[in-house]
Amino acid sequence: MKITRHEVERVANLARLRFDEVEMERFTHQLNGILAYVDTLNELDTSGVEPTYHVLDLVNVFREDEIQPSLPKEAALANAPEQADSFFKVPRIVE
């Protein structure tokens, strides 16, 4: 598969990118090089290879949800710099 200059221009336009003539030629050449490399990888026999979803063998580390008592309002507000009617008082940031 070969990418044409017209296809590079179209993708650049969709991405709202502007390239000069030298950049267009360079990107066309580089993208064709990438596709040529992928074609060589496609020639390999991977029928006996399991898919790799992650480079590390990870397991789920989430704990089960358990209902626990909440922190009392007084304890939550104990270190608040300012409070009003049992709420945190913060500076206004939206006009």
N, C-alpha and C. Protein backbone atom coordinates (compact mmCIF):
# COMPACT_ATOMS: atom_id res chain seq x y z
N MET A 1 0.86 -1.18 0.00
CA MET A 1 0.00 0.00 0.00
C MET A 1 0.90 1.23 0.00
N LYS A 2 0.58 2.16 -0.84
CA LYS A 2 1.37 3.37 -0.96
C LYS A 2 0.46 4.58 -0.74
N ILE A 3 0.98 5.54 0.01
CA ILE A 3 0.22 6.77 0.28
C ILE A 3 0.63 7.82 -0.74
N THR A 4 -0.36 8.48 -1.30
CA THR A 4 -0.07 9.53 -2.28
C THR A 4 0.01 10.88 -1.58
N ARG A 5 0.58 11.82 -2.29
CA ARG A 5 0.67 13.17 -1.75
C ARG A 5 -0.73 13.75 -1.52
N HIS A 6 -1.65 13.42 -2.41
CA HIS A 6 -3.04 13.90 -2.27
C HIS A 6 -3.65 13.41 -0.94
N GLU A 7 -3.38 12.16 -0.56
CA GLU A 7 -3.91 11.63 0.70
C GLU A 7 -3.29 12.34 1.90
N VAL A 8 -2.01 12.66 1.82
CA VAL A 8 -1.35 13.39 2.91
C VAL A 8 -1.96 14.79 3.02
N GLU A 9 -2.20 15.43 1.89
CA GLU A 9 -2.84 16.75 1.91
C GLU A 9 -4.24 16.69 2.52
N ARG A 10 -4.98 15.64 2.19
CA ARG A 10 -6.34 15.50 2.71
C ARG A 10 -6.34 15.30 4.22
N VAL A 11 -5.45 14.44 4.71
CA VAL A 11 -5.37 14.20 6.15
C VAL A 11 -4.90 15.47 6.87
N ALA A 12 -3.94 16.17 6.29
CA ALA A 12 -3.47 17.43 6.88
C ALA A 12 -4.61 18.44 6.95
N ASN A 13 -5.41 18.50 5.90
CA ASN A 13 -6.54 19.41 5.88
C ASN A 13 -7.56 19.04 6.95
N LEU A 14 -7.84 17.74 7.11
CA LEU A 14 -8.79 17.30 8.14
C LEU A 14 -8.28 17.64 9.54
N ALA A 15 -6.96 17.55 9.71
CA ALA A 15 -6.36 17.85 11.02
C ALA A 15 -6.08 19.34 11.17
N ARG A 16 -6.45 20.12 10.16
CA ARG A 16 -6.23 21.57 10.16
C ARG A 16 -4.75 21.91 10.32
N LEU A 17 -3.91 21.20 9.56
CA LEU A 17 -2.47 21.43 9.56
C LEU A 17 -2.08 21.99 8.20
N ARG A 18 -1.12 22.89 8.21
CA ARG A 18 -0.62 23.47 6.97
C ARG A 18 0.86 23.11 6.84
N PHE A 19 1.23 22.56 5.68
CA PHE A 19 2.61 22.18 5.41
C PHE A 19 3.06 22.82 4.11
N ASP A 20 4.34 23.15 4.06
CA ASP A 20 4.88 23.64 2.79
C ASP A 20 5.23 22.45 1.91
N GLU A 21 5.74 22.74 0.71
CA GLU A 21 6.02 21.69 -0.27
C GLU A 21 7.04 20.67 0.24
N VAL A 22 8.09 21.15 0.89
CA VAL A 22 9.14 20.26 1.38
C VAL A 22 8.59 19.32 2.46
N GLU A 23 7.79 19.88 3.37
CA GLU A 23 7.19 19.06 4.43
C GLU A 23 6.24 18.01 3.87
N MET A 24 5.47 18.38 2.85
CA MET A 24 4.54 17.43 2.24
C MET A 24 5.29 16.25 1.63
N GLU A 25 6.35 16.54 0.92
CA GLU A 25 7.15 15.47 0.33
C GLU A 25 7.77 14.59 1.41
N ARG A 26 8.29 15.22 2.47
CA ARG A 26 8.93 14.47 3.54
C ARG A 26 7.92 13.57 4.26
N PHE A 27 6.74 14.11 4.57
CA PHE A 27 5.73 13.30 5.26
C PHE A 27 5.23 12.16 4.37
N THR A 28 5.07 12.42 3.08
CA THR A 28 4.65 11.35 2.17
C THR A 28 5.69 10.24 2.16
N HIS A 29 6.96 10.61 2.07
CA HIS A 29 8.04 9.62 2.07
C HIS A 29 8.09 8.85 3.40
N GLN A 30 7.97 9.58 4.52
CA GLN A 30 8.04 8.92 5.84
C GLN A 30 6.86 7.98 6.06
N LEU A 31 5.67 8.39 5.69
CA LEU A 31 4.50 7.52 5.87
C LEU A 31 4.60 6.28 5.00
N ASN A 32 5.13 6.42 3.79
CA ASN A 32 5.32 5.24 2.94
C ASN A 32 6.37 4.31 3.53
N GLY A 33 7.40 4.87 4.18
CA GLY A 33 8.39 4.05 4.87
C GLY A 33 7.78 3.27 6.02
N ILE A 34 6.89 3.91 6.77
CA ILE A 34 6.22 3.24 7.89
C ILE A 34 5.35 2.09 7.36
N LEU A 35 4.60 2.35 6.30
CA LEU A 35 3.74 1.30 5.75
C LEU A 35 4.56 0.14 5.18
N ALA A 36 5.72 0.43 4.60
CA ALA A 36 6.58 -0.63 4.09
C ALA A 36 7.08 -1.50 5.24
N TYR A 37 7.42 -0.88 6.37
CA TYR A 37 7.87 -1.64 7.53
C TYR A 37 6.74 -2.51 8.08
N VAL A 38 5.53 -1.99 8.13
CA VAL A 38 4.38 -2.76 8.61
C VAL A 38 4.13 -3.94 7.67
N ASP A 39 4.32 -3.75 6.38
CA ASP A 39 4.16 -4.86 5.44
C ASP A 39 5.16 -5.97 5.72
N THR A 40 6.39 -5.62 6.11
CA THR A 40 7.37 -6.67 6.44
C THR A 40 6.96 -7.39 7.71
N LEU A 41 6.35 -6.66 8.65
CA LEU A 41 5.87 -7.31 9.87
C LEU A 41 4.70 -8.25 9.58
N ASN A 42 3.88 -7.90 8.61
CA ASN A 42 2.73 -8.74 8.25
C ASN A 42 3.16 -10.06 7.63
N GLU A 43 4.39 -10.16 7.17
CA GLU A 43 4.89 -11.40 6.58
C GLU A 43 5.23 -12.44 7.64
N LEU A 44 5.37 -12.03 8.89
CA LEU A 44 5.72 -12.96 9.96
C LEU A 44 4.55 -13.86 10.31
N ASP A 45 4.86 -15.12 10.66
CA ASP A 45 3.82 -16.06 11.08
C ASP A 45 3.59 -15.89 12.58
N THR A 46 2.44 -15.35 12.93
CA THR A 46 2.10 -15.12 14.34
C THR A 46 0.92 -15.98 14.78
N SER A 47 0.68 -17.07 14.08
CA SER A 47 -0.49 -17.90 14.38
C SER A 47 -0.40 -18.53 15.77
N GLY A 48 0.80 -18.84 16.28
CA GLY A 48 0.91 -19.47 17.59
C GLY A 48 1.21 -18.50 18.72
N VAL A 49 1.16 -17.21 18.45
CA VAL A 49 1.51 -16.20 19.46
C VAL A 49 0.23 -15.64 20.06
N GLU A 50 0.16 -15.66 21.39
CA GLU A 50 -1.02 -15.09 22.06
C GLU A 50 -0.96 -13.57 21.98
N PRO A 51 -2.11 -12.92 21.86
CA PRO A 51 -2.13 -11.45 21.84
C PRO A 51 -1.60 -10.88 23.15
N THR A 52 -0.85 -9.82 23.06
CA THR A 52 -0.34 -9.13 24.25
C THR A 52 -1.21 -7.90 24.48
N TYR A 53 -1.90 -7.89 25.59
CA TYR A 53 -2.76 -6.76 25.90
C TYR A 53 -2.02 -5.71 26.70
N HIS A 54 -1.00 -6.13 27.42
CA HIS A 54 -0.20 -5.22 28.23
C HIS A 54 1.17 -5.86 28.41
N VAL A 55 2.21 -5.04 28.52
CA VAL A 55 3.55 -5.60 28.64
C VAL A 55 3.77 -6.25 30.00
N LEU A 56 3.01 -5.85 30.99
CA LEU A 56 3.12 -6.44 32.32
C LEU A 56 1.93 -7.34 32.59
N ASP A 57 2.14 -8.38 33.36
CA ASP A 57 1.05 -9.28 33.71
C ASP A 57 0.30 -8.67 34.90
N LEU A 58 -0.74 -7.93 34.60
CA LEU A 58 -1.48 -7.21 35.64
C LEU A 58 -2.74 -7.97 36.03
N VAL A 59 -3.12 -7.80 37.29
CA VAL A 59 -4.39 -8.32 37.76
C VAL A 59 -5.17 -7.16 38.34
N ASN A 60 -6.47 -7.33 38.44
CA ASN A 60 -7.31 -6.28 38.98
C ASN A 60 -6.96 -6.05 40.45
N VAL A 61 -6.65 -4.80 40.80
CA VAL A 61 -6.26 -4.49 42.17
C VAL A 61 -7.35 -3.74 42.93
N PHE A 62 -8.53 -3.67 42.35
CA PHE A 62 -9.62 -2.96 43.02
C PHE A 62 -10.16 -3.81 44.16
N ARG A 63 -10.55 -3.14 45.22
CA ARG A 63 -11.16 -3.84 46.34
C ARG A 63 -12.68 -3.82 46.17
N GLU A 64 -13.34 -4.68 46.87
CA GLU A 64 -14.80 -4.69 46.84
C GLU A 64 -15.33 -3.46 47.56
N ASP A 65 -16.42 -2.91 47.08
CA ASP A 65 -17.06 -1.79 47.75
C ASP A 65 -17.73 -2.29 49.02
N GLU A 66 -17.47 -1.59 50.09
CA GLU A 66 -18.09 -1.93 51.37
C GLU A 66 -18.67 -0.65 51.97
N ILE A 67 -19.87 -0.77 52.51
CA ILE A 67 -20.49 0.38 53.16
C ILE A 67 -19.79 0.61 54.48
N GLN A 68 -19.35 1.85 54.68
CA GLN A 68 -18.67 2.23 55.92
C GLN A 68 -19.28 3.53 56.41
N PRO A 69 -19.18 3.79 57.69
CA PRO A 69 -19.74 5.05 58.20
C PRO A 69 -18.99 6.25 57.63
N SER A 70 -19.73 7.32 57.38
CA SER A 70 -19.15 8.55 56.86
C SER A 70 -18.47 9.34 57.97
N LEU A 71 -17.60 10.26 57.56
CA LEU A 71 -16.95 11.17 58.50
C LEU A 71 -17.98 12.18 58.98
N PRO A 72 -18.08 12.41 60.28
CA PRO A 72 -19.04 13.41 60.77
C PRO A 72 -18.71 14.81 60.22
N LYS A 73 -19.74 15.63 60.01
CA LYS A 73 -19.54 16.98 59.46
C LYS A 73 -18.56 17.78 60.28
N GLU A 74 -18.68 17.69 61.59
CA GLU A 74 -17.81 18.47 62.47
C GLU A 74 -16.34 18.10 62.27
N ALA A 75 -16.07 16.82 62.12
CA ALA A 75 -14.70 16.37 61.92
C ALA A 75 -14.17 16.80 60.55
N ALA A 76 -15.05 16.75 59.53
CA ALA A 76 -14.64 17.15 58.19
C ALA A 76 -14.34 18.64 58.12
N LEU A 77 -15.10 19.43 58.85
CA LEU A 77 -14.93 20.89 58.82
C LEU A 77 -13.94 21.40 59.86
N ALA A 78 -13.40 20.53 60.67
CA ALA A 78 -12.53 20.95 61.78
C ALA A 78 -11.32 21.75 61.31
N ASN A 79 -10.72 21.40 60.19
CA ASN A 79 -9.53 22.10 59.72
C ASN A 79 -9.80 23.05 58.56
N ALA A 80 -11.08 23.31 58.27
CA ALA A 80 -11.42 24.22 57.18
C ALA A 80 -11.03 25.64 57.55
N PRO A 81 -10.39 26.38 56.64
CA PRO A 81 -10.04 27.77 56.95
C PRO A 81 -11.26 28.63 57.20
N GLU A 82 -12.33 28.39 56.41
CA GLU A 82 -13.59 29.11 56.63
C GLU A 82 -14.75 28.15 56.39
N GLN A 83 -15.82 28.36 57.14
CA GLN A 83 -17.02 27.55 56.96
C GLN A 83 -18.24 28.41 57.18
N ALA A 84 -19.35 27.98 56.57
CA ALA A 84 -20.61 28.70 56.72
C ALA A 84 -21.74 27.68 56.67
N ASP A 85 -22.54 27.65 57.71
CA ASP A 85 -23.70 26.75 57.79
C ASP A 85 -23.32 25.30 57.48
N SER A 86 -22.33 24.81 58.09
CA SER A 86 -21.83 23.43 57.96
C SER A 86 -21.37 23.08 56.54
N PHE A 87 -20.86 24.08 55.82
CA PHE A 87 -20.28 23.87 54.49
C PHE A 87 -18.90 24.52 54.44
N PHE A 88 -18.04 24.06 53.53
CA PHE A 88 -16.77 24.72 53.28
C PHE A 88 -17.04 26.04 52.58
N LYS A 89 -16.40 27.12 53.01
CA LYS A 89 -16.55 28.40 52.35
C LYS A 89 -15.28 28.64 51.55
N VAL A 90 -15.46 28.86 50.25
CA VAL A 90 -14.32 29.05 49.36
C VAL A 90 -14.48 30.37 48.61
N PRO A 91 -13.38 30.93 48.12
CA PRO A 91 -13.50 32.18 47.37
C PRO A 91 -14.26 31.97 46.06
N ARG A 92 -15.00 32.98 45.67
CA ARG A 92 -15.76 32.91 44.42
C ARG A 92 -14.78 33.02 43.24
N ILE A 93 -14.91 32.13 42.27
CA ILE A 93 -14.02 32.18 41.12
C ILE A 93 -14.77 32.45 39.83
N VAL A 94 -16.08 32.38 39.82
CA VAL A 94 -16.88 32.65 38.65
C VAL A 94 -17.66 33.93 38.89
N GLU A 95 -17.60 34.83 37.92
CA GLU A 95 -18.32 36.10 38.10
C GLU A 95 -19.75 35.98 37.67
